[in-house]
Amino acid sequence: MIRTTQDVLPIMRKQNSGTIVNISSGLGRFGIAASSAYVSSKFAVEGLSESMSYEHEPFGIRTILIEPGVIKTSFIKSAVLAKKIPRS
């Protein structure tokens, strides 16, 4: 995502317009158990998109973040919760 954005930014700046569209998830707004890596990657997309919107707005470049709603998948079924080790 970052490399693609870096590749197109010089063109967008030169034409003083453009739109960057990033795809995240509702899980970029709150965490859930057993999905730390996924959730943290979505938090990163959220933060990057917000920061880029401020940085590139003066150049006529918009940043849009799409957060699709719940989609029925087996994502949660594959999640594994850590088990607490009993102390002896």
PDB file of N, CA and C in Angstrom:
ATOM      1  N   MET A   1       0.824  -1.179   0.000  1.00  0.00           N
ATOM      2  CA  MET A   1       0.000   0.000   0.000  1.00  0.00           C
ATOM      3  C   MET A   1       0.880   1.259   0.000  1.00  0.00           C
ATOM      4  N   ILE A   2       1.904   1.253   0.827  1.00  0.00           N
ATOM      5  CA  ILE A   2       2.782   2.425   0.909  1.00  0.00           C
ATOM      6  C   ILE A   2       3.572   2.600  -0.388  1.00  0.00           C
ATOM      7  N   ARG A   3       4.115   1.503  -0.903  1.00  0.00           N
ATOM      8  CA  ARG A   3       4.912   1.607  -2.137  1.00  0.00           C
ATOM      9  C   ARG A   3       4.072   2.069  -3.325  1.00  0.00           C
ATOM     10  N   THR A   4       2.869   1.558  -3.426  1.00  0.00           N
ATOM     11  CA  THR A   4       1.989   1.981  -4.517  1.00  0.00           C
ATOM     12  C   THR A   4       1.677   3.462  -4.394  1.00  0.00           C
ATOM     13  N   THR A   5       1.381   3.901  -3.190  1.00  0.00           N
ATOM     14  CA  THR A   5       1.104   5.320  -2.957  1.00  0.00           C
ATOM     15  C   THR A   5       2.317   6.168  -3.308  1.00  0.00           C
ATOM     16  N   GLN A   6       3.494   5.732  -2.894  1.00  0.00           N
ATOM     17  CA  GLN A   6       4.716   6.476  -3.217  1.00  0.00           C
ATOM     18  C   GLN A   6       4.945   6.565  -4.728  1.00  0.00           C
ATOM     19  N   ASP A   7       4.561   5.519  -5.444  1.00  0.00           N
ATOM     20  CA  ASP A   7       4.746   5.518  -6.901  1.00  0.00           C
ATOM     21  C   ASP A   7       3.829   6.510  -7.607  1.00  0.00           C
ATOM     22  N   VAL A   8       2.598   6.672  -7.115  1.00  0.00           N
ATOM     23  CA  VAL A   8       1.645   7.545  -7.807  1.00  0.00           C
ATOM     24  C   VAL A   8       1.642   8.986  -7.295  1.00  0.00           C
ATOM     25  N   LEU A   9       2.191   9.218  -6.109  1.00  0.00           N
ATOM     26  CA  LEU A   9       2.155  10.576  -5.548  1.00  0.00           C
ATOM     27  C   LEU A   9       2.817  11.632  -6.433  1.00  0.00           C
ATOM     28  N   PRO A  10       3.982  11.363  -7.022  1.00  0.00           N
ATOM     29  CA  PRO A  10       4.571  12.404  -7.877  1.00  0.00           C
ATOM     30  C   PRO A  10       3.657  12.803  -9.042  1.00  0.00           C
ATOM     31  N   ILE A  11       2.947  11.841  -9.611  1.00  0.00           N
ATOM     32  CA  ILE A  11       2.020  12.132 -10.709  1.00  0.00           C
ATOM     33  C   ILE A  11       0.856  12.974 -10.203  1.00  0.00           C
ATOM     34  N   MET A  12       0.295  12.569  -9.061  1.00  0.00           N
ATOM     35  CA  MET A  12      -0.832  13.304  -8.490  1.00  0.00           C
ATOM     36  C   MET A  12      -0.433  14.722  -8.102  1.00  0.00           C
ATOM     37  N   ARG A  13       0.752  14.875  -7.544  1.00  0.00           N
ATOM     38  CA  ARG A  13       1.204  16.217  -7.157  1.00  0.00           C
ATOM     39  C   ARG A  13       1.401  17.093  -8.384  1.00  0.00           C
ATOM     40  N   LYS A  14       1.951  16.510  -9.432  1.00  0.00           N
ATOM     41  CA  LYS A  14       2.197  17.266 -10.661  1.00  0.00           C
ATOM     42  C   LYS A  14       0.883  17.765 -11.266  1.00  0.00           C
ATOM     43  N   GLN A  15      -0.156  16.923 -11.237  1.00  0.00           N
ATOM     44  CA  GLN A  15      -1.456  17.331 -11.789  1.00  0.00           C
ATOM     45  C   GLN A  15      -2.328  18.049 -10.768  1.00  0.00           C
ATOM     46  N   ASN A  16      -1.828  18.157  -9.521  1.00  0.00           N
ATOM     47  CA  ASN A  16      -2.526  18.841  -8.440  1.00  0.00           C
ATOM     48  C   ASN A  16      -3.921  18.251  -8.181  1.00  0.00           C
ATOM     49  N   SER A  17      -4.028  16.935  -8.333  1.00  0.00           N
ATOM     50  CA  SER A  17      -5.278  16.254  -8.033  1.00  0.00           C
ATOM     51  C   SER A  17      -5.047  14.750  -7.976  1.00  0.00           C
ATOM     52  N   GLY A  18      -5.981  14.064  -7.359  1.00  0.00           N
ATOM     53  CA  GLY A  18      -5.920  12.616  -7.284  1.00  0.00           C
ATOM     54  C   GLY A  18      -6.668  12.126  -6.064  1.00  0.00           C
ATOM     55  N   THR A  19      -6.929  10.831  -6.069  1.00  0.00           N
ATOM     56  CA  THR A  19      -7.613  10.210  -4.943  1.00  0.00           C
ATOM     57  C   THR A  19      -6.918   8.909  -4.597  1.00  0.00           C
ATOM     58  N   ILE A  20      -6.559   8.772  -3.341  1.00  0.00           N
ATOM     59  CA  ILE A  20      -5.976   7.533  -2.822  1.00  0.00           C
ATOM     60  C   ILE A  20      -7.091   6.816  -2.074  1.00  0.00           C
ATOM     61  N   VAL A  21      -7.325   5.556  -2.404  1.00  0.00           N
ATOM     62  CA  VAL A  21      -8.380   4.778  -1.756  1.00  0.00           C
ATOM     63  C   VAL A  21      -7.732   3.613  -1.017  1.00  0.00           C
ATOM     64  N   ASN A  22      -7.906   3.569   0.290  1.00  0.00           N
ATOM     65  CA  ASN A  22      -7.384   2.478   1.108  1.00  0.00           C
ATOM     66  C   ASN A  22      -8.540   1.665   1.671  1.00  0.00           C
ATOM     67  N   ILE A  23      -8.320   0.347   1.787  1.00  0.00           N
ATOM     68  CA  ILE A  23      -9.330  -0.555   2.318  1.00  0.00           C
ATOM     69  C   ILE A  23      -8.866  -1.029   3.691  1.00  0.00           C
ATOM     70  N   SER A  24      -9.718  -0.882   4.687  1.00  0.00           N
ATOM     71  CA  SER A  24      -9.403  -1.317   6.039  1.00  0.00           C
ATOM     72  C   SER A  24     -10.481  -2.279   6.516  1.00  0.00           C
ATOM     73  N   SER A  25     -10.941  -2.091   7.718  1.00  0.00           N
ATOM     74  CA  SER A  25     -11.955  -2.953   8.316  1.00  0.00           C
ATOM     75  C   SER A  25     -12.516  -2.226   9.528  1.00  0.00           C
ATOM     76  N   GLY A  26     -13.707  -2.611   9.921  1.00  0.00           N
ATOM     77  CA  GLY A  26     -14.246  -2.082  11.171  1.00  0.00           C
ATOM     78  C   GLY A  26     -13.337  -2.425  12.334  1.00  0.00           C
ATOM     79  N   LEU A  27     -12.562  -3.506  12.184  1.00  0.00           N
ATOM     80  CA  LEU A  27     -11.631  -3.903  13.248  1.00  0.00           C
ATOM     81  C   LEU A  27     -10.413  -2.983  13.322  1.00  0.00           C
ATOM     82  N   GLY A  28     -10.357  -1.988  12.475  1.00  0.00           N
ATOM     83  CA  GLY A  28      -9.337  -0.960  12.604  1.00  0.00           C
ATOM     84  C   GLY A  28      -9.715   0.093  13.626  1.00  0.00           C
ATOM     85  N   ARG A  29     -10.895  -0.045  14.191  1.00  0.00           N
ATOM     86  CA  ARG A  29     -11.389   0.918  15.178  1.00  0.00           C
ATOM     87  C   ARG A  29     -11.435   0.350  16.584  1.00  0.00           C
ATOM     88  N   PHE A  30     -11.459  -0.970  16.710  1.00  0.00           N
ATOM     89  CA  PHE A  30     -11.484  -1.594  18.038  1.00  0.00           C
ATOM     90  C   PHE A  30     -10.858  -2.981  17.942  1.00  0.00           C
ATOM     91  N   GLY A  31     -10.294  -3.428  19.031  1.00  0.00           N
ATOM     92  CA  GLY A  31      -9.642  -4.726  19.046  1.00  0.00           C
ATOM     93  C   GLY A  31     -10.569  -5.844  19.484  1.00  0.00           C
ATOM     94  N   ILE A  32     -10.215  -7.065  19.085  1.00  0.00           N
ATOM     95  CA  ILE A  32     -10.928  -8.252  19.552  1.00  0.00           C
ATOM     96  C   ILE A  32      -9.895  -9.323  19.886  1.00  0.00           C
ATOM     97  N   ALA A  33     -10.271 -10.244  20.726  1.00  0.00           N
ATOM     98  CA  ALA A  33      -9.368 -11.323  21.115  1.00  0.00           C
ATOM     99  C   ALA A  33      -9.098 -12.241  19.928  1.00  0.00           C
ATOM    100  N   ALA A  34      -7.933 -12.829  19.926  1.00  0.00           N
ATOM    101  CA  ALA A  34      -7.510 -13.850  18.961  1.00  0.00           C
ATOM    102  C   ALA A  34      -7.253 -13.313  17.558  1.00  0.00           C
ATOM    103  N   SER A  35      -7.182 -12.009  17.397  1.00  0.00           N
ATOM    104  CA  SER A  35      -6.937 -11.438  16.075  1.00  0.00           C
ATOM    105  C   SER A  35      -5.965 -10.264  16.143  1.00  0.00           C
ATOM    106  N   SER A  36      -5.009 -10.331  17.038  1.00  0.00           N
ATOM    107  CA  SER A  36      -4.123  -9.194  17.290  1.00  0.00           C
ATOM    108  C   SER A  36      -3.368  -8.727  16.051  1.00  0.00           C
ATOM    109  N   ALA A  37      -2.807  -9.653  15.289  1.00  0.00           N
ATOM    110  CA  ALA A  37      -2.031  -9.266  14.110  1.00  0.00           C
ATOM    111  C   ALA A  37      -2.926  -8.587  13.073  1.00  0.00           C
ATOM    112  N   TYR A  38      -4.080  -9.182  12.817  1.00  0.00           N
ATOM    113  CA  TYR A  38      -5.009  -8.612  11.840  1.00  0.00           C
ATOM    114  C   TYR A  38      -5.488  -7.230  12.285  1.00  0.00           C
ATOM    115  N   VAL A  39      -5.917  -7.139  13.524  1.00  0.00           N
ATOM    116  CA  VAL A  39      -6.446  -5.875  14.047  1.00  0.00           C
ATOM    117  C   VAL A  39      -5.372  -4.792  14.020  1.00  0.00           C
ATOM    118  N   SER A  40      -4.157  -5.125  14.431  1.00  0.00           N
ATOM    119  CA  SER A  40      -3.098  -4.106  14.450  1.00  0.00           C
ATOM    120  C   SER A  40      -2.762  -3.631  13.042  1.00  0.00           C
ATOM    121  N   SER A  41      -2.838  -4.516  12.049  1.00  0.00           N
ATOM    122  CA  SER A  41      -2.579  -4.086  10.671  1.00  0.00           C
ATOM    123  C   SER A  41      -3.664  -3.121  10.202  1.00  0.00           C
ATOM    124  N   LYS A  42      -4.893  -3.343  10.630  1.00  0.00           N
ATOM    125  CA  LYS A  42      -5.985  -2.445  10.242  1.00  0.00           C
ATOM    126  C   LYS A  42      -5.897  -1.114  10.972  1.00  0.00           C
ATOM    127  N   PHE A  43      -5.461  -1.121  12.235  1.00  0.00           N
ATOM    128  CA  PHE A  43      -5.205   0.132  12.951  1.00  0.00           C
ATOM    129  C   PHE A  43      -4.149   0.949  12.193  1.00  0.00           C
ATOM    130  N   ALA A  44      -3.134   0.265  11.680  1.00  0.00           N
ATOM    131  CA  ALA A  44      -2.072   0.941  10.932  1.00  0.00           C
ATOM    132  C   ALA A  44      -2.616   1.588   9.661  1.00  0.00           C
ATOM    133  N   VAL A  45      -3.483   0.889   8.956  1.00  0.00           N
ATOM    134  CA  VAL A  45      -4.089   1.443   7.744  1.00  0.00           C
ATOM    135  C   VAL A  45      -4.906   2.683   8.088  1.00  0.00           C
ATOM    136  N   GLU A  46      -5.632   2.630   9.184  1.00  0.00           N
ATOM    137  CA  GLU A  46      -6.436   3.773   9.629  1.00  0.00           C
ATOM    138  C   GLU A  46      -5.541   4.989   9.904  1.00  0.00           C
ATOM    139  N   GLY A  47      -4.487   4.778  10.694  1.00  0.00           N
ATOM    140  CA  GLY A  47      -3.596   5.880  11.043  1.00  0.00           C
ATOM    141  C   GLY A  47      -2.862   6.444   9.845  1.00  0.00           C
ATOM    142  N   LEU A  48      -2.387   5.567   8.980  1.00  0.00           N
ATOM    143  CA  LEU A  48      -1.688   6.009   7.769  1.00  0.00           C
ATOM    144  C   LEU A  48      -2.622   6.825   6.884  1.00  0.00           C
ATOM    145  N   SER A  49      -3.827   6.341   6.698  1.00  0.00           N
ATOM    146  CA  SER A  49      -4.780   7.044   5.834  1.00  0.00           C
ATOM    147  C   SER A  49      -5.120   8.424   6.375  1.00  0.00           C
ATOM    148  N   GLU A  50      -5.351   8.511   7.685  1.00  0.00           N
ATOM    149  CA  GLU A  50      -5.671   9.814   8.282  1.00  0.00           C
ATOM    150  C   GLU A  50      -4.498  10.781   8.146  1.00  0.00           C
ATOM    151  N   SER A  51      -3.298  10.294   8.426  1.00  0.00           N
ATOM    152  CA  SER A  51      -2.122  11.154   8.321  1.00  0.00           C
ATOM    153  C   SER A  51      -1.889  11.610   6.885  1.00  0.00           C
ATOM    154  N   MET A  52      -2.035  10.690   5.946  1.00  0.00           N
ATOM    155  CA  MET A  52      -1.836  11.049   4.536  1.00  0.00           C
ATOM    156  C   MET A  52      -2.868  12.072   4.074  1.00  0.00           C
ATOM    157  N   SER A  53      -4.081  11.983   4.594  1.00  0.00           N
ATOM    158  CA  SER A  53      -5.099  12.946   4.170  1.00  0.00           C
ATOM    159  C   SER A  53      -4.687  14.363   4.539  1.00  0.00           C
ATOM    160  N   TYR A  54      -4.082  14.529   5.716  1.00  0.00           N
ATOM    161  CA  TYR A  54      -3.611  15.856   6.128  1.00  0.00           C
ATOM    162  C   TYR A  54      -2.405  16.302   5.300  1.00  0.00           C
ATOM    163  N   GLU A  55      -1.510  15.373   5.029  1.00  0.00           N
ATOM    164  CA  GLU A  55      -0.278  15.715   4.306  1.00  0.00           C
ATOM    165  C   GLU A  55      -0.526  16.076   2.840  1.00  0.00           C
ATOM    166  N   HIS A  56      -1.473  15.401   2.203  1.00  0.00           N
ATOM    167  CA  HIS A  56      -1.629  15.550   0.757  1.00  0.00           C
ATOM    168  C   HIS A  56      -2.770  16.467   0.340  1.00  0.00           C
ATOM    169  N   GLU A  57      -3.620  16.849   1.297  1.00  0.00           N
ATOM    170  CA  GLU A  57      -4.721  17.749   0.983  1.00  0.00           C
ATOM    171  C   GLU A  57      -4.263  19.056   0.328  1.00  0.00           C
ATOM    172  N   PRO A  58      -3.155  19.670   0.793  1.00  0.00           N
ATOM    173  CA  PRO A  58      -2.712  20.916   0.156  1.00  0.00           C
ATOM    174  C   PRO A  58      -2.325  20.740  -1.323  1.00  0.00           C
ATOM    175  N   PHE A  59      -2.110  19.505  -1.755  1.00  0.00           N
ATOM    176  CA  PHE A  59      -1.735  19.227  -3.144  1.00  0.00           C
ATOM    177  C   PHE A  59      -2.945  18.796  -3.983  1.00  0.00           C
ATOM    178  N   GLY A  60      -4.149  18.940  -3.422  1.00  0.00           N
ATOM    179  CA  GLY A  60      -5.355  18.575  -4.157  1.00  0.00           C
ATOM    180  C   GLY A  60      -5.606  17.074  -4.203  1.00  0.00           C
ATOM    181  N   ILE A  61      -4.947  16.332  -3.296  1.00  0.00           N
ATOM    182  CA  ILE A  61      -5.062  14.873  -3.286  1.00  0.00           C
ATOM    183  C   ILE A  61      -5.926  14.460  -2.101  1.00  0.00           C
ATOM    184  N   ARG A  62      -6.981  13.698  -2.389  1.00  0.00           N
ATOM    185  CA  ARG A  62      -7.869  13.206  -1.338  1.00  0.00           C
ATOM    186  C   ARG A  62      -7.462  11.791  -0.947  1.00  0.00           C
ATOM    187  N   THR A  63      -7.681  11.455   0.307  1.00  0.00           N
ATOM    188  CA  THR A  63      -7.478  10.083   0.776  1.00  0.00           C
ATOM    189  C   THR A  63      -8.799   9.577   1.318  1.00  0.00           C
ATOM    190  N   ILE A  64      -9.244   8.454   0.787  1.00  0.00           N
ATOM    191  CA  ILE A  64     -10.508   7.854   1.195  1.00  0.00           C
ATOM    192  C   ILE A  64     -10.203   6.519   1.866  1.00  0.00           C
ATOM    193  N   LEU A  65     -10.869   6.254   2.970  1.00  0.00           N
ATOM    194  CA  LEU A  65     -10.716   4.988   3.681  1.00  0.00           C
ATOM    195  C   LEU A  65     -12.047   4.255   3.656  1.00  0.00           C
ATOM    196  N   ILE A  66     -12.031   3.045   3.146  1.00  0.00           N
ATOM    197  CA  ILE A  66     -13.237   2.218   3.091  1.00  0.00           C
ATOM    198  C   ILE A  66     -13.135   1.155   4.174  1.00  0.00           C
ATOM    199  N   GLU A  67     -14.181   1.070   4.977  1.00  0.00           N
ATOM    200  CA  GLU A  67     -14.259   0.059   6.040  1.00  0.00           C
ATOM    201  C   GLU A  67     -15.484  -0.810   5.780  1.00  0.00           C
ATOM    202  N   PRO A  68     -15.306  -1.903   5.038  1.00  0.00           N
ATOM    203  CA  PRO A  68     -16.462  -2.759   4.745  1.00  0.00           C
ATOM    204  C   PRO A  68     -17.119  -3.263   6.030  1.00  0.00           C
ATOM    205  N   GLY A  69     -18.400  -3.487   5.962  1.00  0.00           N
ATOM    206  CA  GLY A  69     -19.138  -4.013   7.103  1.00  0.00           C
ATOM    207  C   GLY A  69     -18.859  -5.493   7.297  1.00  0.00           C
ATOM    208  N   VAL A  70     -19.622  -6.094   8.159  1.00  0.00           N
ATOM    209  CA  VAL A  70     -19.455  -7.512   8.468  1.00  0.00           C
ATOM    210  C   VAL A  70     -19.793  -8.346   7.238  1.00  0.00           C
ATOM    211  N   ILE A  71     -18.923  -9.270   6.938  1.00  0.00           N
ATOM    212  CA  ILE A  71     -19.117 -10.185   5.823  1.00  0.00           C
ATOM    213  C   ILE A  71     -19.005 -11.598   6.384  1.00  0.00           C
ATOM    214  N   LYS A  72     -19.935 -12.447   6.029  1.00  0.00           N
ATOM    215  CA  LYS A  72     -19.950 -13.811   6.561  1.00  0.00           C
ATOM    216  C   LYS A  72     -18.780 -14.607   5.958  1.00  0.00           C
ATOM    217  N   THR A  73     -17.805 -14.908   6.815  1.00  0.00           N
ATOM    218  CA  THR A  73     -16.648 -15.711   6.429  1.00  0.00           C
ATOM    219  C   THR A  73     -16.315 -16.656   7.580  1.00  0.00           C
ATOM    220  N   SER A  74     -15.282 -17.443   7.405  1.00  0.00           N
ATOM    221  CA  SER A  74     -14.834 -18.337   8.481  1.00  0.00           C
ATOM    222  C   SER A  74     -13.684 -17.708   9.273  1.00  0.00           C
ATOM    223  N   PHE A  75     -13.539 -16.397   9.173  1.00  0.00           N
ATOM    224  CA  PHE A  75     -12.446 -15.675   9.826  1.00  0.00           C
ATOM    225  C   PHE A  75     -12.393 -15.970  11.326  1.00  0.00           C
ATOM    226  N   ILE A  76     -13.502 -15.830  12.012  1.00  0.00           N
ATOM    227  CA  ILE A  76     -13.532 -16.033  13.467  1.00  0.00           C
ATOM    228  C   ILE A  76     -13.313 -17.498  13.819  1.00  0.00           C
ATOM    229  N   LYS A  77     -13.800 -18.403  12.997  1.00  0.00           N
ATOM    230  CA  LYS A  77     -13.619 -19.832  13.277  1.00  0.00           C
ATOM    231  C   LYS A  77     -12.141 -20.222  13.303  1.00  0.00           C
ATOM    232  N   SER A  78     -11.320 -19.511  12.533  1.00  0.00           N
ATOM    233  CA  SER A  78      -9.899 -19.849  12.487  1.00  0.00           C
ATOM    234  C   SER A  78      -9.099 -19.186  13.603  1.00  0.00           C
ATOM    235  N   ALA A  79      -9.731 -18.314  14.376  1.00  0.00           N
ATOM    236  CA  ALA A  79      -9.039 -17.634  15.473  1.00  0.00           C
ATOM    237  C   ALA A  79      -8.775 -18.612  16.615  1.00  0.00           C
ATOM    238  N   VAL A  80      -7.630 -18.434  17.251  1.00  0.00           N
ATOM    239  CA  VAL A  80      -7.257 -19.309  18.369  1.00  0.00           C
ATOM    240  C   VAL A  80      -6.931 -18.439  19.580  1.00  0.00           C
ATOM    241  N   LEU A  81      -7.632 -18.686  20.661  1.00  0.00           N
ATOM    242  CA  LEU A  81      -7.348 -17.978  21.907  1.00  0.00           C
ATOM    243  C   LEU A  81      -6.244 -18.704  22.665  1.00  0.00           C
ATOM    244  N   ALA A  82      -5.359 -17.947  23.258  1.00  0.00           N
ATOM    245  CA  ALA A  82      -4.306 -18.537  24.075  1.00  0.00           C
ATOM    246  C   ALA A  82      -4.918 -19.124  25.347  1.00  0.00           C
ATOM    247  N   LYS A  83      -4.355 -20.215  25.803  1.00  0.00           N
ATOM    248  CA  LYS A  83      -4.840 -20.817  27.019  1.00  0.00           C
ATOM    249  C   LYS A  83      -3.901 -20.472  28.160  1.00  0.00           C
ATOM    250  N   LYS A  84      -4.483 -20.127  29.289  1.00  0.00           N
ATOM    251  CA  LYS A  84      -3.709 -19.766  30.461  1.00  0.00           C
ATOM    252  C   LYS A  84      -3.112 -21.032  31.063  1.00  0.00           C
ATOM    253  N   ILE A  85      -1.836 -20.950  31.366  1.00  0.00           N
ATOM    254  CA  ILE A  85      -1.146 -22.088  31.973  1.00  0.00           C
ATOM    255  C   ILE A  85      -1.416 -22.075  33.471  1.00  0.00           C
ATOM    256  N   PRO A  86      -1.944 -23.174  33.993  1.00  0.00           N
ATOM    257  CA  PRO A  86      -2.204 -23.212  35.441  1.00  0.00           C
ATOM    258  C   PRO A  86      -0.892 -23.191  36.227  1.00  0.00           C
ATOM    259  N   ARG A  87      -0.895 -22.430  37.289  1.00  0.00           N
ATOM    260  CA  ARG A  87       0.307 -22.370  38.153  1.00  0.00           C
ATOM    261  C   ARG A  87       0.228 -23.489  39.180  1.00  0.00           C
ATOM    262  N   SER A  88       1.366 -24.104  39.400  1.00  0.00           N
ATOM    263  CA  SER A  88       1.363 -25.193  40.374  1.00  0.00           C
ATOM    264  C   SER A  88       1.810 -24.734  41.742  1.00  0.00           C
TER     265      SER A  88
END
